[in-house]
Each structure stands twice: as structure tokens, then as C-alpha cells.
Amino acid sequence: MKQERIRRNLYKVLRKTGVPRNKIVEDATLKEELLMDEIDVTCFLFLLETKFELEIQNSELTKLSSVGSTIEFLQKHCA
């Protein structure tokens, strides 16, 4: 999947979880800067798995700490 499509779809997922547009930047951390609690993160992961048609293992969750790390993860796991 092309990087631009990954970014666009990730942006849509973040907006669905209630993240304001002006907060979505590549170096923003999910929990500290985007203020996601455990419920938000669970919703975010569900929407990610649905939108990108993939399954995220529990062992991989630590790799998804920021917008940038999520983009990198998706680039590696989306064909």
C-alpha cells in the first residue's frame, strides 16, 4: 500500500476516535499528546484492523506509540 494511502486512512481512523485535526502530526504520541486512554486505544486498534484488513498481535502493540510509528508499522504489514 502506498504511503499516501496509509497516511490518509490512518488520518480517517484517528478522526473517528475523536482526535482533533490539528493534533494529528507524525511525531504526536498516542497517549500523551493525543490523550488516548485505554478505551480510545482499544477503539483505535479495532478501527485500524478493520480499515487496513490486518490483525495486530498483542506483542506488536508497543510498536504503536505514535502516529509515525503507526505509519511505519502499517508500511511493513500492509501489502
N, C-alpha and C. Protein backbone atom coordinates (compact mmCIF):
# COMPACT_ATOMS: atom_id res chain seq x y z
N MET A 1 0.86 -1.17 0.00
CA MET A 1 0.00 0.00 0.00
C MET A 1 0.90 1.23 0.00
N LYS A 2 0.53 2.21 -0.79
CA LYS A 2 1.34 3.41 -0.88
C LYS A 2 1.27 4.23 0.39
N GLN A 3 2.37 4.94 0.66
CA GLN A 3 2.47 5.71 1.89
C GLN A 3 1.36 6.76 2.00
N GLU A 4 1.02 7.41 0.91
CA GLU A 4 -0.02 8.43 0.95
C GLU A 4 -1.38 7.83 1.33
N ARG A 5 -1.67 6.65 0.82
CA ARG A 5 -2.94 5.98 1.14
C ARG A 5 -2.95 5.55 2.61
N ILE A 6 -1.81 5.07 3.09
CA ILE A 6 -1.69 4.69 4.50
C ILE A 6 -1.95 5.90 5.39
N ARG A 7 -1.31 7.01 5.07
CA ARG A 7 -1.48 8.23 5.86
C ARG A 7 -2.94 8.71 5.85
N ARG A 8 -3.55 8.70 4.69
CA ARG A 8 -4.93 9.16 4.56
C ARG A 8 -5.88 8.28 5.38
N ASN A 9 -5.70 6.96 5.28
CA ASN A 9 -6.56 6.04 6.03
C ASN A 9 -6.31 6.12 7.53
N LEU A 10 -5.05 6.28 7.92
CA LEU A 10 -4.73 6.44 9.34
C LEU A 10 -5.36 7.72 9.87
N TYR A 11 -5.29 8.79 9.09
CA TYR A 11 -5.92 10.06 9.47
C TYR A 11 -7.41 9.85 9.72
N LYS A 12 -8.08 9.11 8.84
CA LYS A 12 -9.51 8.83 8.99
C LYS A 12 -9.79 8.06 10.27
N VAL A 13 -8.94 7.07 10.56
CA VAL A 13 -9.11 6.28 11.79
C VAL A 13 -8.94 7.17 13.02
N LEU A 14 -7.92 8.00 13.01
CA LEU A 14 -7.69 8.90 14.16
C LEU A 14 -8.86 9.86 14.34
N ARG A 15 -9.40 10.39 13.25
CA ARG A 15 -10.55 11.30 13.35
C ARG A 15 -11.76 10.58 13.92
N LYS A 16 -11.95 9.29 13.55
CA LYS A 16 -13.09 8.52 14.08
C LYS A 16 -12.96 8.27 15.56
N THR A 17 -11.73 8.27 16.08
CA THR A 17 -11.53 8.07 17.51
C THR A 17 -11.61 9.39 18.28
N GLY A 18 -11.89 10.48 17.58
CA GLY A 18 -12.11 11.76 18.23
C GLY A 18 -10.89 12.65 18.34
N VAL A 19 -9.81 12.34 17.63
CA VAL A 19 -8.61 13.17 17.68
C VAL A 19 -8.83 14.41 16.81
N PRO A 20 -8.60 15.61 17.36
CA PRO A 20 -8.76 16.84 16.58
C PRO A 20 -7.76 16.89 15.42
N ARG A 21 -8.17 17.47 14.32
CA ARG A 21 -7.32 17.55 13.12
C ARG A 21 -5.97 18.19 13.40
N ASN A 22 -5.96 19.26 14.14
CA ASN A 22 -4.71 19.99 14.37
C ASN A 22 -3.71 19.23 15.25
N LYS A 23 -4.15 18.16 15.90
CA LYS A 23 -3.27 17.36 16.75
C LYS A 23 -2.60 16.22 15.99
N ILE A 24 -3.07 15.91 14.78
CA ILE A 24 -2.54 14.77 14.03
C ILE A 24 -1.29 15.19 13.28
N VAL A 25 -0.16 14.93 13.91
CA VAL A 25 1.16 15.15 13.30
C VAL A 25 1.98 13.89 13.53
N GLU A 26 2.98 13.68 12.69
CA GLU A 26 3.71 12.41 12.72
C GLU A 26 4.40 12.11 14.04
N ASP A 27 4.89 13.13 14.73
CA ASP A 27 5.62 12.87 15.98
C ASP A 27 4.72 12.88 17.22
N ALA A 28 3.41 13.01 17.04
CA ALA A 28 2.49 13.02 18.18
C ALA A 28 2.34 11.62 18.78
N THR A 29 2.51 11.53 20.10
CA THR A 29 2.33 10.25 20.78
C THR A 29 0.84 10.03 21.04
N LEU A 30 0.44 8.78 20.98
CA LEU A 30 -0.98 8.46 21.11
C LEU A 30 -1.52 8.79 22.49
N LYS A 31 -0.81 8.36 23.53
CA LYS A 31 -1.34 8.52 24.89
C LYS A 31 -1.07 9.90 25.47
N GLU A 32 0.11 10.44 25.29
CA GLU A 32 0.44 11.71 25.93
C GLU A 32 -0.09 12.91 25.16
N GLU A 33 0.16 12.98 23.86
CA GLU A 33 -0.22 14.17 23.10
C GLU A 33 -1.63 14.09 22.50
N LEU A 34 -2.04 12.89 22.10
CA LEU A 34 -3.38 12.75 21.56
C LEU A 34 -4.40 12.38 22.64
N LEU A 35 -3.91 12.22 23.87
CA LEU A 35 -4.73 11.99 25.06
C LEU A 35 -5.65 10.77 24.95
N MET A 36 -5.12 9.68 24.39
CA MET A 36 -5.89 8.45 24.28
C MET A 36 -5.77 7.64 25.56
N ASP A 37 -6.93 7.27 26.13
CA ASP A 37 -6.92 6.38 27.27
C ASP A 37 -7.05 4.94 26.75
N GLU A 38 -7.19 3.99 27.64
CA GLU A 38 -7.24 2.58 27.23
C GLU A 38 -8.43 2.27 26.31
N ILE A 39 -9.55 2.90 26.58
CA ILE A 39 -10.73 2.68 25.73
C ILE A 39 -10.50 3.27 24.34
N ASP A 40 -9.91 4.46 24.27
CA ASP A 40 -9.60 5.07 22.98
C ASP A 40 -8.62 4.21 22.19
N VAL A 41 -7.61 3.68 22.86
CA VAL A 41 -6.61 2.85 22.19
C VAL A 41 -7.26 1.57 21.67
N THR A 42 -8.15 0.97 22.45
CA THR A 42 -8.85 -0.23 22.01
C THR A 42 -9.69 0.06 20.77
N CYS A 43 -10.41 1.15 20.79
CA CYS A 43 -11.21 1.57 19.64
C CYS A 43 -10.31 1.84 18.43
N PHE A 44 -9.21 2.54 18.66
CA PHE A 44 -8.23 2.85 17.62
C PHE A 44 -7.70 1.57 16.97
N LEU A 45 -7.34 0.58 17.79
CA LEU A 45 -6.81 -0.68 17.26
C LEU A 45 -7.87 -1.43 16.46
N PHE A 46 -9.10 -1.45 16.95
CA PHE A 46 -10.19 -2.10 16.22
C PHE A 46 -10.39 -1.44 14.86
N LEU A 47 -10.45 -0.12 14.83
CA LEU A 47 -10.64 0.60 13.57
C LEU A 47 -9.45 0.41 12.64
N LEU A 48 -8.24 0.37 13.19
CA LEU A 48 -7.04 0.12 12.38
C LEU A 48 -7.11 -1.25 11.71
N GLU A 49 -7.43 -2.26 12.51
CA GLU A 49 -7.51 -3.62 11.98
C GLU A 49 -8.60 -3.72 10.91
N THR A 50 -9.71 -3.04 11.12
CA THR A 50 -10.81 -3.08 10.16
C THR A 50 -10.45 -2.33 8.88
N LYS A 51 -9.93 -1.14 9.01
CA LYS A 51 -9.62 -0.28 7.85
C LYS A 51 -8.52 -0.88 6.99
N PHE A 52 -7.50 -1.45 7.64
CA PHE A 52 -6.34 -1.96 6.91
C PHE A 52 -6.38 -3.47 6.69
N GLU A 53 -7.47 -4.10 7.16
CA GLU A 53 -7.66 -5.53 6.98
C GLU A 53 -6.44 -6.34 7.43
N LEU A 54 -6.06 -6.12 8.68
CA LEU A 54 -4.94 -6.86 9.26
C LEU A 54 -5.25 -7.17 10.71
N GLU A 55 -4.45 -8.05 11.29
CA GLU A 55 -4.60 -8.40 12.70
C GLU A 55 -3.33 -7.98 13.43
N ILE A 56 -3.51 -7.21 14.47
CA ILE A 56 -2.37 -6.72 15.25
C ILE A 56 -2.25 -7.59 16.50
N GLN A 57 -1.11 -8.24 16.63
CA GLN A 57 -0.84 -9.10 17.78
C GLN A 57 -0.55 -8.25 19.02
N ASN A 58 -0.85 -8.78 20.19
CA ASN A 58 -0.58 -8.06 21.44
C ASN A 58 0.89 -7.71 21.58
N SER A 59 1.77 -8.57 21.10
CA SER A 59 3.21 -8.32 21.20
C SER A 59 3.65 -7.13 20.34
N GLU A 60 2.84 -6.74 19.38
CA GLU A 60 3.18 -5.64 18.49
C GLU A 60 2.61 -4.30 18.95
N LEU A 61 1.79 -4.32 19.98
CA LEU A 61 1.13 -3.09 20.43
C LEU A 61 2.11 -2.02 20.89
N THR A 62 3.24 -2.42 21.46
CA THR A 62 4.22 -1.43 21.94
C THR A 62 4.85 -0.66 20.78
N LYS A 63 4.78 -1.21 19.58
CA LYS A 63 5.34 -0.54 18.40
C LYS A 63 4.46 0.62 17.95
N LEU A 64 3.24 0.68 18.44
CA LEU A 64 2.29 1.71 18.03
C LEU A 64 2.16 2.78 19.11
N SER A 65 3.22 3.54 19.30
CA SER A 65 3.21 4.54 20.37
C SER A 65 2.98 5.96 19.86
N SER A 66 3.13 6.16 18.56
CA SER A 66 2.94 7.50 17.98
C SER A 66 2.34 7.37 16.59
N VAL A 67 1.99 8.49 16.02
CA VAL A 67 1.45 8.48 14.65
C VAL A 67 2.53 7.95 13.70
N GLY A 68 3.76 8.42 13.86
CA GLY A 68 4.86 8.00 12.99
C GLY A 68 5.16 6.52 13.10
N SER A 69 5.19 5.99 14.31
CA SER A 69 5.47 4.56 14.48
C SER A 69 4.33 3.71 13.93
N THR A 70 3.11 4.22 13.99
CA THR A 70 1.97 3.51 13.41
C THR A 70 2.08 3.48 11.89
N ILE A 71 2.50 4.58 11.29
CA ILE A 71 2.72 4.62 9.83
C ILE A 71 3.79 3.61 9.43
N GLU A 72 4.90 3.56 10.16
CA GLU A 72 5.97 2.60 9.88
C GLU A 72 5.47 1.17 9.99
N PHE A 73 4.71 0.88 11.04
CA PHE A 73 4.14 -0.45 11.25
C PHE A 73 3.25 -0.83 10.07
N LEU A 74 2.38 0.08 9.67
CA LEU A 74 1.45 -0.21 8.58
C LEU A 74 2.18 -0.40 7.25
N GLN A 75 3.25 0.34 7.02
CA GLN A 75 4.03 0.18 5.79
C GLN A 75 4.65 -1.21 5.72
N LYS A 76 5.05 -1.75 6.85
CA LYS A 76 5.67 -3.08 6.88
C LYS A 76 4.64 -4.20 6.75
N HIS A 77 3.43 -3.97 7.25
CA HIS A 77 2.44 -5.03 7.33
C HIS A 77 1.31 -4.97 6.30
N CYS A 78 1.24 -3.91 5.53
CA CYS A 78 0.20 -3.81 4.50
C CYS A 78 0.83 -4.02 3.13
N ALA A 79 0.29 -4.94 2.40
CA ALA A 79 0.84 -5.26 1.07
C ALA A 79 0.41 -4.24 0.05
